Amino acid sequence: MKKEYIMPFVEATQNVFQDFFGVTPELDTPYIVKKEETSNWDISGIIGIAGESKGVIVLSINEQLVTALTSRLVGRKITTLDDDVIDTIGEITNIIAGNSKKGFEEYRLKISLPSIIRGREHTVFWPKQDIPILSIPFSVPEGKFMLFVGLEKKITGDILT
C-alpha cells in the first residue's frame, strides 16, 4: 500500500485518540493480514465501506486498554466491557472511518454504522479474498491496539512505497 493511502487512516486514528483521550498513538510497522489468522483482541468496532471502492475498517483492542481509555473518557472507573465501552468503540471507529474517507474523495465512499464484536479471540470474517487486509498496529502508554483496513483498489502487497 502506498504511504499516501495509509496516512489518512493513521492521521485519523492519531487525531481521534488525541482528541478523546489526550494521547497520540505511536505507529508500528503495518503488514498484510493472513485471513486465517486468529486475533487475541477482546472487542472490535467494524465499519463497512461502500461506494466506488468497497471494504472494511476494524478497530480491535484488548479489554484492559479499552476499559482504561473509556474510564478516562467518562470520568469513572470502568472494569468490564459495559455499554460505555461499547459506545466508545463504536464512536471511535465511526470517527476514524469518517475522517479517513476524506483521503479518498475521488471514490465517493460511504460508511456503515458501526457493528461491535466482543469476546476473547473473536473472529472477524474479512471481505472477499481479493481485498487484502492491512493491519496497522498502534501503541499508547497503556497498551497496544490494531486498526485493520481492507479497501478494494487501494491495498496491494507493496506496503508503504
N, C-alpha and C. Protein backbone atom coordinates (compact mmCIF):
# COMPACT_ATOMS: atom_id res chain seq x y z
N MET A 1 0.86 -1.17 0.00
CA MET A 1 0.00 0.00 0.00
C MET A 1 0.90 1.22 0.00
N LYS A 2 0.58 2.14 -0.84
CA LYS A 2 1.38 3.37 -0.90
C LYS A 2 1.14 4.19 0.36
N LYS A 3 2.18 4.87 0.79
CA LYS A 3 2.11 5.67 2.01
C LYS A 3 0.95 6.68 1.96
N GLU A 4 0.69 7.24 0.80
CA GLU A 4 -0.39 8.22 0.68
C GLU A 4 -1.76 7.63 0.98
N TYR A 5 -1.90 6.29 0.85
CA TYR A 5 -3.18 5.65 1.12
C TYR A 5 -3.32 5.23 2.58
N ILE A 6 -2.21 5.00 3.24
CA ILE A 6 -2.27 4.61 4.65
C ILE A 6 -2.39 5.83 5.56
N MET A 7 -1.84 6.96 5.15
CA MET A 7 -1.79 8.13 6.02
C MET A 7 -3.16 8.66 6.46
N PRO A 8 -4.20 8.65 5.62
CA PRO A 8 -5.50 9.10 6.14
C PRO A 8 -5.97 8.28 7.34
N PHE A 9 -5.68 6.97 7.35
CA PHE A 9 -6.09 6.11 8.46
C PHE A 9 -5.23 6.37 9.70
N VAL A 10 -3.93 6.54 9.49
CA VAL A 10 -3.01 6.81 10.59
C VAL A 10 -3.36 8.15 11.23
N GLU A 11 -3.50 9.18 10.41
CA GLU A 11 -3.80 10.51 10.94
C GLU A 11 -5.15 10.57 11.64
N ALA A 12 -6.15 9.92 11.06
CA ALA A 12 -7.47 9.92 11.69
C ALA A 12 -7.42 9.22 13.05
N THR A 13 -6.71 8.11 13.12
CA THR A 13 -6.59 7.37 14.38
C THR A 13 -5.85 8.21 15.42
N GLN A 14 -4.73 8.79 15.04
CA GLN A 14 -3.97 9.59 15.99
C GLN A 14 -4.77 10.81 16.46
N ASN A 15 -5.49 11.45 15.55
CA ASN A 15 -6.28 12.62 15.93
C ASN A 15 -7.42 12.26 16.88
N VAL A 16 -8.11 11.15 16.61
CA VAL A 16 -9.22 10.75 17.49
C VAL A 16 -8.72 10.42 18.89
N PHE A 17 -7.62 9.68 18.97
CA PHE A 17 -7.09 9.33 20.29
C PHE A 17 -6.58 10.56 21.03
N GLN A 18 -6.00 11.51 20.29
CA GLN A 18 -5.56 12.75 20.94
C GLN A 18 -6.77 13.54 21.45
N ASP A 19 -7.80 13.66 20.61
CA ASP A 19 -8.98 14.43 20.99
C ASP A 19 -9.77 13.79 22.13
N PHE A 20 -9.96 12.47 22.08
CA PHE A 20 -10.79 11.78 23.06
C PHE A 20 -10.04 11.48 24.36
N PHE A 21 -8.77 11.05 24.24
CA PHE A 21 -8.06 10.51 25.39
C PHE A 21 -6.80 11.28 25.77
N GLY A 22 -6.41 12.27 24.99
CA GLY A 22 -5.23 13.06 25.30
C GLY A 22 -3.92 12.34 25.07
N VAL A 23 -3.91 11.30 24.24
CA VAL A 23 -2.68 10.58 23.89
C VAL A 23 -2.59 10.44 22.38
N THR A 24 -1.37 10.49 21.87
CA THR A 24 -1.16 10.28 20.44
C THR A 24 -0.55 8.90 20.23
N PRO A 25 -1.29 7.99 19.61
CA PRO A 25 -0.76 6.64 19.40
C PRO A 25 0.48 6.63 18.51
N GLU A 26 1.42 5.80 18.90
CA GLU A 26 2.64 5.58 18.11
C GLU A 26 2.34 4.52 17.06
N LEU A 27 2.73 4.77 15.84
CA LEU A 27 2.53 3.83 14.74
C LEU A 27 3.65 2.81 14.73
N ASP A 28 3.29 1.53 14.58
CA ASP A 28 4.28 0.48 14.38
C ASP A 28 4.23 0.10 12.90
N THR A 29 4.92 -0.95 12.50
CA THR A 29 5.03 -1.32 11.10
C THR A 29 3.77 -2.04 10.60
N PRO A 30 3.08 -1.49 9.61
CA PRO A 30 1.90 -2.15 9.04
C PRO A 30 2.30 -3.42 8.27
N TYR A 31 1.34 -4.33 8.15
CA TYR A 31 1.58 -5.57 7.40
C TYR A 31 0.25 -6.11 6.88
N ILE A 32 0.33 -6.94 5.86
CA ILE A 32 -0.87 -7.58 5.30
C ILE A 32 -1.24 -8.77 6.17
N VAL A 33 -2.52 -8.86 6.54
CA VAL A 33 -3.03 -9.92 7.40
C VAL A 33 -3.29 -11.18 6.59
N LYS A 34 -2.93 -12.31 7.15
CA LYS A 34 -3.35 -13.59 6.59
C LYS A 34 -4.76 -13.81 7.11
N LYS A 35 -5.71 -14.00 6.21
CA LYS A 35 -7.12 -14.02 6.61
C LYS A 35 -7.46 -15.16 7.56
N GLU A 36 -6.63 -16.19 7.63
CA GLU A 36 -6.90 -17.28 8.55
C GLU A 36 -6.33 -17.02 9.95
N GLU A 37 -5.62 -15.90 10.13
CA GLU A 37 -5.06 -15.57 11.44
C GLU A 37 -6.18 -15.38 12.45
N THR A 38 -5.92 -15.80 13.68
CA THR A 38 -6.87 -15.52 14.75
C THR A 38 -6.35 -14.32 15.54
N SER A 39 -7.23 -13.67 16.24
CA SER A 39 -6.83 -12.48 16.98
C SER A 39 -6.82 -12.77 18.47
N ASN A 40 -6.20 -11.90 19.21
CA ASN A 40 -6.24 -12.01 20.67
C ASN A 40 -6.91 -10.77 21.27
N TRP A 41 -7.76 -10.12 20.49
CA TRP A 41 -8.43 -8.91 20.94
C TRP A 41 -9.72 -9.27 21.65
N ASP A 42 -10.20 -8.36 22.51
CA ASP A 42 -11.43 -8.60 23.27
C ASP A 42 -12.65 -7.92 22.66
N ILE A 43 -12.42 -6.85 21.91
CA ILE A 43 -13.54 -6.11 21.32
C ILE A 43 -13.08 -5.46 20.03
N SER A 44 -13.98 -5.43 19.06
CA SER A 44 -13.69 -4.79 17.77
C SER A 44 -14.89 -3.99 17.32
N GLY A 45 -14.61 -2.80 16.79
CA GLY A 45 -15.61 -2.00 16.11
C GLY A 45 -15.40 -2.17 14.62
N ILE A 46 -16.49 -2.40 13.89
CA ILE A 46 -16.39 -2.69 12.46
C ILE A 46 -17.25 -1.70 11.68
N ILE A 47 -16.66 -1.13 10.63
CA ILE A 47 -17.38 -0.22 9.73
C ILE A 47 -17.22 -0.76 8.31
N GLY A 48 -18.33 -0.96 7.63
CA GLY A 48 -18.30 -1.36 6.23
C GLY A 48 -18.14 -0.13 5.34
N ILE A 49 -17.47 -0.33 4.21
CA ILE A 49 -17.25 0.75 3.26
C ILE A 49 -17.91 0.38 1.94
N ALA A 50 -18.64 1.31 1.37
CA ALA A 50 -19.29 1.11 0.07
C ALA A 50 -19.03 2.34 -0.79
N GLY A 51 -19.42 2.26 -2.02
CA GLY A 51 -19.22 3.36 -2.96
C GLY A 51 -18.42 2.86 -4.14
N GLU A 52 -17.58 3.70 -4.68
CA GLU A 52 -16.78 3.32 -5.84
C GLU A 52 -15.62 2.41 -5.46
N SER A 53 -15.39 2.23 -4.20
CA SER A 53 -14.47 1.23 -3.66
C SER A 53 -15.20 0.61 -2.48
N LYS A 54 -14.91 -0.64 -2.20
CA LYS A 54 -15.57 -1.34 -1.11
C LYS A 54 -14.54 -1.87 -0.13
N GLY A 55 -14.98 -2.08 1.11
CA GLY A 55 -14.05 -2.62 2.07
C GLY A 55 -14.56 -2.56 3.49
N VAL A 56 -13.61 -2.49 4.42
CA VAL A 56 -13.93 -2.55 5.83
C VAL A 56 -12.83 -1.86 6.63
N ILE A 57 -13.22 -1.28 7.76
CA ILE A 57 -12.29 -0.74 8.74
C ILE A 57 -12.67 -1.37 10.07
N VAL A 58 -11.68 -1.93 10.75
CA VAL A 58 -11.91 -2.59 12.04
C VAL A 58 -10.91 -2.06 13.06
N LEU A 59 -11.42 -1.63 14.19
CA LEU A 59 -10.59 -1.22 15.32
C LEU A 59 -10.69 -2.32 16.36
N SER A 60 -9.56 -2.96 16.69
CA SER A 60 -9.54 -4.06 17.66
C SER A 60 -8.63 -3.69 18.83
N ILE A 61 -9.08 -4.08 20.04
CA ILE A 61 -8.40 -3.63 21.25
C ILE A 61 -8.65 -4.64 22.36
N ASN A 62 -7.76 -4.70 23.33
CA ASN A 62 -7.99 -5.63 24.44
C ASN A 62 -8.76 -4.95 25.57
N GLU A 63 -9.32 -5.76 26.44
CA GLU A 63 -10.20 -5.25 27.49
C GLU A 63 -9.49 -4.29 28.45
N GLN A 64 -8.28 -4.60 28.83
CA GLN A 64 -7.56 -3.76 29.78
C GLN A 64 -7.37 -2.34 29.23
N LEU A 65 -6.97 -2.25 27.96
CA LEU A 65 -6.74 -0.93 27.37
C LEU A 65 -8.05 -0.19 27.15
N VAL A 66 -9.04 -0.86 26.60
CA VAL A 66 -10.29 -0.15 26.29
C VAL A 66 -11.01 0.30 27.56
N THR A 67 -10.94 -0.47 28.63
CA THR A 67 -11.57 -0.01 29.87
C THR A 67 -10.81 1.17 30.48
N ALA A 68 -9.48 1.15 30.36
CA ALA A 68 -8.69 2.29 30.86
C ALA A 68 -9.02 3.56 30.06
N LEU A 69 -9.09 3.43 28.75
CA LEU A 69 -9.40 4.60 27.91
C LEU A 69 -10.82 5.10 28.15
N THR A 70 -11.76 4.18 28.24
CA THR A 70 -13.16 4.58 28.49
C THR A 70 -13.29 5.22 29.86
N SER A 71 -12.58 4.71 30.85
CA SER A 71 -12.60 5.32 32.19
C SER A 71 -12.15 6.77 32.12
N ARG A 72 -11.10 7.00 31.36
CA ARG A 72 -10.59 8.37 31.19
C ARG A 72 -11.64 9.25 30.53
N LEU A 73 -12.33 8.70 29.55
CA LEU A 73 -13.32 9.46 28.80
C LEU A 73 -14.55 9.80 29.64
N VAL A 74 -15.07 8.84 30.40
CA VAL A 74 -16.32 9.06 31.14
C VAL A 74 -16.10 9.58 32.56
N GLY A 75 -14.84 9.58 33.02
CA GLY A 75 -14.55 10.14 34.33
C GLY A 75 -14.88 9.25 35.51
N ARG A 76 -15.00 7.95 35.28
CA ARG A 76 -15.19 6.99 36.38
C ARG A 76 -14.54 5.67 35.99
N LYS A 77 -14.23 4.86 36.97
CA LYS A 77 -13.53 3.60 36.72
C LYS A 77 -14.45 2.60 36.04
N ILE A 78 -13.99 2.08 34.91
CA ILE A 78 -14.69 1.03 34.16
C ILE A 78 -13.82 -0.22 34.27
N THR A 79 -14.44 -1.37 34.58
CA THR A 79 -13.65 -2.59 34.74
C THR A 79 -14.11 -3.73 33.82
N THR A 80 -15.21 -3.55 33.13
CA THR A 80 -15.71 -4.60 32.23
C THR A 80 -16.14 -3.98 30.90
N LEU A 81 -16.41 -4.83 29.94
CA LEU A 81 -16.86 -4.36 28.62
C LEU A 81 -18.35 -4.01 28.70
N ASP A 82 -18.63 -2.90 29.38
CA ASP A 82 -20.02 -2.48 29.57
C ASP A 82 -20.51 -1.61 28.41
N ASP A 83 -21.71 -1.06 28.55
CA ASP A 83 -22.31 -0.25 27.47
C ASP A 83 -21.47 0.98 27.14
N ASP A 84 -20.82 1.58 28.14
CA ASP A 84 -19.96 2.74 27.86
C ASP A 84 -18.79 2.35 26.97
N VAL A 85 -18.21 1.19 27.20
CA VAL A 85 -17.10 0.70 26.38
C VAL A 85 -17.59 0.45 24.96
N ILE A 86 -18.71 -0.20 24.84
CA ILE A 86 -19.26 -0.49 23.51
C ILE A 86 -19.54 0.80 22.75
N ASP A 87 -20.14 1.78 23.43
CA ASP A 87 -20.39 3.08 22.79
C ASP A 87 -19.09 3.76 22.39
N THR A 88 -18.08 3.68 23.25
CA THR A 88 -16.79 4.31 22.95
C THR A 88 -16.15 3.70 21.72
N ILE A 89 -16.10 2.37 21.65
CA ILE A 89 -15.50 1.70 20.49
C ILE A 89 -16.28 2.03 19.22
N GLY A 90 -17.59 2.00 19.30
CA GLY A 90 -18.41 2.34 18.13
C GLY A 90 -18.16 3.75 17.64
N GLU A 91 -18.11 4.69 18.56
CA GLU A 91 -17.92 6.09 18.19
C GLU A 91 -16.52 6.35 17.63
N ILE A 92 -15.51 5.78 18.27
CA ILE A 92 -14.14 5.96 17.80
C ILE A 92 -13.97 5.37 16.40
N THR A 93 -14.49 4.17 16.21
CA THR A 93 -14.38 3.52 14.90
C THR A 93 -15.10 4.35 13.84
N ASN A 94 -16.26 4.85 14.17
CA ASN A 94 -17.04 5.66 13.24
C ASN A 94 -16.28 6.94 12.86
N ILE A 95 -15.69 7.61 13.82
CA ILE A 95 -14.97 8.85 13.54
C ILE A 95 -13.71 8.57 12.71
N ILE A 96 -12.98 7.50 13.06
CA ILE A 96 -11.80 7.15 12.27
C ILE A 96 -12.19 6.89 10.82
N ALA A 97 -13.24 6.10 10.62
CA ALA A 97 -13.68 5.80 9.25
C ALA A 97 -14.12 7.06 8.52
N GLY A 98 -14.91 7.89 9.19
CA GLY A 98 -15.40 9.11 8.56
C GLY A 98 -14.29 10.08 8.20
N ASN A 99 -13.34 10.24 9.11
CA ASN A 99 -12.22 11.14 8.83
C ASN A 99 -11.26 10.57 7.80
N SER A 100 -11.09 9.26 7.79
CA SER A 100 -10.19 8.62 6.82
C SER A 100 -10.71 8.75 5.40
N LYS A 101 -12.00 8.68 5.23
CA LYS A 101 -12.55 8.70 3.87
C LYS A 101 -12.30 10.04 3.16
N LYS A 102 -11.94 11.07 3.92
CA LYS A 102 -11.58 12.34 3.30
C LYS A 102 -10.36 12.20 2.40
N GLY A 103 -9.51 11.22 2.69
CA GLY A 103 -8.33 10.97 1.88
C GLY A 103 -8.63 10.22 0.60
N PHE A 104 -9.89 9.85 0.41
CA PHE A 104 -10.29 9.06 -0.76
C PHE A 104 -11.52 9.66 -1.43
N GLU A 105 -11.58 10.98 -1.49
CA GLU A 105 -12.76 11.66 -2.01
C GLU A 105 -13.10 11.27 -3.44
N GLU A 106 -12.08 10.89 -4.24
CA GLU A 106 -12.34 10.51 -5.63
C GLU A 106 -13.17 9.24 -5.73
N TYR A 107 -13.29 8.48 -4.64
CA TYR A 107 -14.06 7.23 -4.65
C TYR A 107 -15.46 7.39 -4.08
N ARG A 108 -15.81 8.55 -3.60
CA ARG A 108 -17.14 8.80 -3.05
C ARG A 108 -17.59 7.68 -2.12
N LEU A 109 -16.79 7.45 -1.11
CA LEU A 109 -17.05 6.35 -0.18
C LEU A 109 -18.21 6.67 0.75
N LYS A 110 -18.91 5.62 1.12
CA LYS A 110 -19.97 5.69 2.13
C LYS A 110 -19.61 4.69 3.21
N ILE A 111 -19.89 5.06 4.46
CA ILE A 111 -19.57 4.15 5.54
C ILE A 111 -20.85 3.71 6.25
N SER A 112 -20.82 2.49 6.78
CA SER A 112 -21.97 1.94 7.50
C SER A 112 -21.95 2.42 8.95
N LEU A 113 -23.01 2.10 9.65
CA LEU A 113 -23.00 2.29 11.10
C LEU A 113 -22.05 1.26 11.69
N PRO A 114 -21.46 1.54 12.83
CA PRO A 114 -20.53 0.56 13.41
C PRO A 114 -21.25 -0.66 13.97
N SER A 115 -20.61 -1.79 13.82
CA SER A 115 -21.01 -3.03 14.49
C SER A 115 -19.92 -3.37 15.48
N ILE A 116 -20.30 -4.00 16.59
CA ILE A 116 -19.33 -4.33 17.63
C ILE A 116 -19.32 -5.84 17.83
N ILE A 117 -18.12 -6.39 17.91
CA ILE A 117 -17.94 -7.80 18.27
C ILE A 117 -17.12 -7.81 19.54
N ARG A 118 -17.55 -8.60 20.51
CA ARG A 118 -16.75 -8.71 21.73
C ARG A 118 -16.63 -10.18 22.12
N GLY A 119 -15.59 -10.46 22.84
CA GLY A 119 -15.29 -11.82 23.25
C GLY A 119 -13.85 -12.13 22.94
N ARG A 120 -13.17 -12.73 23.87
CA ARG A 120 -11.74 -13.05 23.71
C ARG A 120 -11.51 -13.87 22.46
N GLU A 121 -10.54 -13.45 21.66
CA GLU A 121 -10.14 -14.14 20.44
C GLU A 121 -11.31 -14.33 19.46
N HIS A 122 -12.16 -13.31 19.38
CA HIS A 122 -13.28 -13.38 18.44
C HIS A 122 -12.74 -13.40 17.00
N THR A 123 -13.59 -13.77 16.08
CA THR A 123 -13.20 -13.86 14.68
C THR A 123 -13.92 -12.79 13.88
N VAL A 124 -13.16 -12.10 13.05
CA VAL A 124 -13.74 -11.16 12.09
C VAL A 124 -13.68 -11.86 10.73
N PHE A 125 -14.80 -11.96 10.06
CA PHE A 125 -14.82 -12.54 8.73
C PHE A 125 -14.58 -11.42 7.73
N TRP A 126 -13.42 -11.47 7.11
CA TRP A 126 -12.99 -10.41 6.20
C TRP A 126 -13.74 -10.46 4.89
N PRO A 127 -13.77 -9.36 4.15
CA PRO A 127 -14.42 -9.35 2.84
C PRO A 127 -13.78 -10.37 1.90
N LYS A 128 -14.38 -10.48 0.74
CA LYS A 128 -13.92 -11.47 -0.23
C LYS A 128 -12.41 -11.50 -0.39
N GLN A 129 -11.91 -12.61 -0.85
CA GLN A 129 -10.49 -12.91 -0.88
C GLN A 129 -9.64 -11.89 -1.63
N ASP A 130 -10.18 -11.21 -2.63
CA ASP A 130 -9.33 -10.32 -3.42
C ASP A 130 -9.17 -8.92 -2.81
N ILE A 131 -9.67 -8.71 -1.60
CA ILE A 131 -9.44 -7.45 -0.90
C ILE A 131 -8.46 -7.73 0.24
N PRO A 132 -7.18 -7.39 0.06
CA PRO A 132 -6.21 -7.61 1.14
C PRO A 132 -6.57 -6.75 2.36
N ILE A 133 -6.21 -7.25 3.52
CA ILE A 133 -6.45 -6.54 4.77
C ILE A 133 -5.11 -6.08 5.32
N LEU A 134 -5.00 -4.78 5.54
CA LEU A 134 -3.79 -4.20 6.11
C LEU A 134 -3.98 -4.04 7.61
N SER A 135 -3.02 -4.52 8.37
CA SER A 135 -3.01 -4.34 9.81
C SER A 135 -2.10 -3.17 10.15
N ILE A 136 -2.65 -2.19 10.86
CA ILE A 136 -1.89 -1.00 11.25
C ILE A 136 -1.81 -0.99 12.77
N PRO A 137 -0.68 -1.46 13.33
CA PRO A 137 -0.55 -1.51 14.79
C PRO A 137 -0.19 -0.15 15.39
N PHE A 138 -0.78 0.12 16.54
CA PHE A 138 -0.52 1.34 17.28
C PHE A 138 -0.26 0.99 18.75
N SER A 139 0.40 1.90 19.45
CA SER A 139 0.53 1.73 20.90
C SER A 139 0.37 3.09 21.57
N VAL A 140 -0.18 3.02 22.77
CA VAL A 140 -0.30 4.17 23.67
C VAL A 140 0.33 3.72 24.99
N PRO A 141 0.56 4.61 25.94
CA PRO A 141 1.22 4.18 27.18
C PRO A 141 0.55 2.99 27.87
N GLU A 142 -0.77 2.88 27.76
CA GLU A 142 -1.50 1.80 28.45
C GLU A 142 -1.51 0.48 27.69
N GLY A 143 -1.09 0.47 26.41
CA GLY A 143 -1.11 -0.79 25.67
C GLY A 143 -1.18 -0.59 24.17
N LYS A 144 -1.47 -1.69 23.49
CA LYS A 144 -1.50 -1.70 22.02
C LYS A 144 -2.90 -1.94 21.51
N PHE A 145 -3.13 -1.49 20.29
CA PHE A 145 -4.38 -1.77 19.59
C PHE A 145 -4.08 -1.84 18.10
N MET A 146 -5.07 -2.27 17.33
CA MET A 146 -4.86 -2.50 15.91
C MET A 146 -6.00 -1.88 15.10
N LEU A 147 -5.63 -1.25 14.01
CA LEU A 147 -6.60 -0.80 13.02
C LEU A 147 -6.39 -1.67 11.79
N PHE A 148 -7.43 -2.34 11.35
CA PHE A 148 -7.38 -3.16 10.14
C PHE A 148 -8.12 -2.42 9.05
N VAL A 149 -7.56 -2.39 7.85
CA VAL A 149 -8.18 -1.70 6.73
C VAL A 149 -8.14 -2.60 5.51
N GLY A 150 -9.30 -2.84 4.94
CA GLY A 150 -9.39 -3.53 3.65
C GLY A 150 -10.11 -2.59 2.71
N LEU A 151 -9.46 -2.19 1.64
CA LEU A 151 -10.06 -1.24 0.72
C LEU A 151 -9.74 -1.66 -0.70
N GLU A 152 -10.75 -2.12 -1.39
CA GLU A 152 -10.62 -2.56 -2.77
C GLU A 152 -9.96 -1.47 -3.62
N LYS A 153 -9.08 -1.87 -4.49
CA LYS A 153 -8.39 -0.99 -5.45
C LYS A 153 -7.29 -0.15 -4.83
N LYS A 154 -7.05 -0.25 -3.53
CA LYS A 154 -6.05 0.62 -2.92
C LYS A 154 -4.97 -0.13 -2.15
N ILE A 155 -5.27 -1.30 -1.66
CA ILE A 155 -4.29 -2.03 -0.87
C ILE A 155 -3.67 -3.11 -1.74
N THR A 156 -2.36 -3.08 -1.80
CA THR A 156 -1.63 -4.11 -2.54
C THR A 156 -0.56 -4.68 -1.63
N GLY A 157 0.18 -5.62 -2.11
CA GLY A 157 1.24 -6.21 -1.32
C GLY A 157 2.42 -5.29 -1.13
N ASP A 158 2.44 -4.15 -1.77
CA ASP A 158 3.55 -3.23 -1.72
C ASP A 158 3.29 -2.19 -0.63
N ILE A 159 3.65 -2.51 0.60
CA ILE A 159 3.33 -1.66 1.74
C ILE A 159 4.31 -0.50 1.86
N LEU A 160 3.74 0.66 2.07
CA LEU A 160 4.48 1.89 2.34
C LEU A 160 5.53 2.21 1.29
N THR A 161 5.12 2.21 0.03
CA THR A 161 6.04 2.62 -1.03
C THR A 161 5.93 4.10 -1.27
